Amino acid sequence: MAYASSDLSVLAYANNFTLWHYTTVDASVTTAGYLDNAVDMLRVNDLIIANVDTDGTPTTTFYVVTGNDGSSVTIAAYI
């Protein structure tokens, strides 16, 4: 399954920082290119609370946007 913009929503925004929530049946959102269609919304250092694999073994992970070059977005687990 691919990224669905309707499953990405803003939880909070302040001082050029956005806290997002994303839910998906996909098992991983860290695959290269997964969030590229959200390139116009996601900024470096934004935080995403992701509920993944919601139809299998659901997990919740916090991700930080680590890169956005205007055409691709990269994220990493927030530790």
C-alpha atoms as a PDB file:
ATOM      1  CA  MET A   1       0.000   0.000   0.000  1.00  0.00           C
ATOM      2  CA  ALA A   2       1.154   3.562  -0.550  1.00  0.00           C
ATOM      3  CA  TYR A   3       1.056   6.834   1.340  1.00  0.00           C
ATOM      4  CA  ALA A   4      -2.462   8.265   1.609  1.00  0.00           C
ATOM      5  CA  SER A   5      -2.702  11.993   2.257  1.00  0.00           C
ATOM      6  CA  SER A   6      -6.061  11.543   3.986  1.00  0.00           C
ATOM      7  CA  ASP A   7      -4.294   9.521   6.702  1.00  0.00           C
ATOM      8  CA  LEU A   8      -1.857  12.338   7.612  1.00  0.00           C
ATOM      9  CA  SER A   9      -3.210  15.004   9.926  1.00  0.00           C
ATOM     10  CA  VAL A  10      -1.862  17.905  11.961  1.00  0.00           C
ATOM     11  CA  LEU A  11      -2.079  17.548  15.725  1.00  0.00           C
ATOM     12  CA  ALA A  12      -0.291  20.794  16.614  1.00  0.00           C
ATOM     13  CA  TYR A  13       1.600  23.606  14.930  1.00  0.00           C
ATOM     14  CA  ALA A  14       3.762  26.310  16.522  1.00  0.00           C
ATOM     15  CA  ASN A  15       6.960  28.209  15.737  1.00  0.00           C
ATOM     16  CA  ASN A  16       7.604  26.473  12.382  1.00  0.00           C
ATOM     17  CA  PHE A  17       7.169  23.024  13.952  1.00  0.00           C
ATOM     18  CA  THR A  18       4.366  20.591  13.177  1.00  0.00           C
ATOM     19  CA  LEU A  19       3.327  17.522  15.141  1.00  0.00           C
ATOM     20  CA  TRP A  20       1.655  15.051  12.787  1.00  0.00           C
ATOM     21  CA  HIS A  21      -0.341  11.853  13.136  1.00  0.00           C
ATOM     22  CA  TYR A  22      -0.277   9.190  10.420  1.00  0.00           C
ATOM     23  CA  THR A  23      -2.105   5.883  10.362  1.00  0.00           C
ATOM     24  CA  THR A  24      -1.634   3.102   7.824  1.00  0.00           C
ATOM     25  CA  VAL A  25      -2.029  -0.615   7.246  1.00  0.00           C
ATOM     26  CA  ASP A  26       1.518  -0.602   5.831  1.00  0.00           C
ATOM     27  CA  ALA A  27       4.136  -2.309   7.982  1.00  0.00           C
ATOM     28  CA  SER A  28       6.786   0.337   7.327  1.00  0.00           C
ATOM     29  CA  VAL A  29       6.748   4.014   6.482  1.00  0.00           C
ATOM     30  CA  THR A  30      10.532   4.295   6.325  1.00  0.00           C
ATOM     31  CA  THR A  31      10.772   2.807   2.826  1.00  0.00           C
ATOM     32  CA  ALA A  32      12.568   5.187   0.455  1.00  0.00           C
ATOM     33  CA  GLY A  33      10.062   7.427  -1.300  1.00  0.00           C
ATOM     34  CA  TYR A  34       7.127   6.482   0.941  1.00  0.00           C
ATOM     35  CA  LEU A  35       6.330  10.052   2.057  1.00  0.00           C
ATOM     36  CA  ASP A  36       7.529  11.867  -1.089  1.00  0.00           C
ATOM     37  CA  ASN A  37       3.972  12.932  -1.965  1.00  0.00           C
ATOM     38  CA  ALA A  38       3.930  14.908   1.303  1.00  0.00           C
ATOM     39  CA  VAL A  39       7.061  16.867   0.342  1.00  0.00           C
ATOM     40  CA  ASP A  40       5.122  20.164   0.346  1.00  0.00           C
ATOM     41  CA  MET A  41       3.881  19.639   3.912  1.00  0.00           C
ATOM     42  CA  LEU A  42       6.631  17.932   5.894  1.00  0.00           C
ATOM     43  CA  ARG A  43       9.612  19.955   7.090  1.00  0.00           C
ATOM     44  CA  VAL A  44      12.903  18.880   8.604  1.00  0.00           C
ATOM     45  CA  ASN A  45      12.503  18.329  12.363  1.00  0.00           C
ATOM     46  CA  ASP A  46       8.720  17.860  12.195  1.00  0.00           C
ATOM     47  CA  LEU A  47       7.555  14.951  14.354  1.00  0.00           C
ATOM     48  CA  ILE A  48       5.195  12.210  13.162  1.00  0.00           C
ATOM     49  CA  ILE A  49       3.318   9.864  15.472  1.00  0.00           C
ATOM     50  CA  ALA A  50       2.669   6.863  13.239  1.00  0.00           C
ATOM     51  CA  ASN A  51       0.294   4.005  13.866  1.00  0.00           C
ATOM     52  CA  VAL A  52       1.530   1.364  11.411  1.00  0.00           C
ATOM     53  CA  ASP A  53       0.395  -2.102  10.382  1.00  0.00           C
ATOM     54  CA  THR A  54      -3.063  -1.365  11.782  1.00  0.00           C
ATOM     55  CA  ASP A  55      -4.543  -4.457  10.152  1.00  0.00           C
ATOM     56  CA  GLY A  56      -1.777  -6.811  11.345  1.00  0.00           C
ATOM     57  CA  THR A  57       0.407  -6.277  14.379  1.00  0.00           C
ATOM     58  CA  PRO A  58      -0.149  -2.579  15.133  1.00  0.00           C
ATOM     59  CA  THR A  59       2.666  -0.477  16.528  1.00  0.00           C
ATOM     60  CA  THR A  60       3.068   3.183  17.317  1.00  0.00           C
ATOM     61  CA  THR A  61       6.381   4.851  16.545  1.00  0.00           C
ATOM     62  CA  PHE A  62       7.551   8.443  16.687  1.00  0.00           C
ATOM     63  CA  TYR A  63       9.464   9.590  13.593  1.00  0.00           C
ATOM     64  CA  VAL A  64      11.373  12.784  12.915  1.00  0.00           C
ATOM     65  CA  VAL A  65      11.665  14.246   9.425  1.00  0.00           C
ATOM     66  CA  THR A  66      15.405  14.160   8.750  1.00  0.00           C
ATOM     67  CA  GLY A  67      15.423  15.416   5.180  1.00  0.00           C
ATOM     68  CA  ASN A  68      13.352  17.238   2.595  1.00  0.00           C
ATOM     69  CA  ASP A  69      15.097  18.337  -0.593  1.00  0.00           C
ATOM     70  CA  GLY A  70      11.947  19.509  -2.348  1.00  0.00           C
ATOM     71  CA  SER A  71      11.348  16.211  -4.107  1.00  0.00           C
ATOM     72  CA  SER A  72      11.879  13.542  -1.456  1.00  0.00           C
ATOM     73  CA  VAL A  73      11.286  13.183   2.266  1.00  0.00           C
ATOM     74  CA  THR A  74      13.291  11.027   4.663  1.00  0.00           C
ATOM     75  CA  ILE A  75      12.340  10.080   8.213  1.00  0.00           C
ATOM     76  CA  ALA A  76      13.986   8.206  11.055  1.00  0.00           C
ATOM     77  CA  ALA A  77      12.698   6.739  14.290  1.00  0.00           C
ATOM     78  CA  TYR A  78      12.831   9.344  17.042  1.00  0.00           C
ATOM     79  CA  ILE A  79      14.898   8.082  19.931  1.00  0.00           C
END
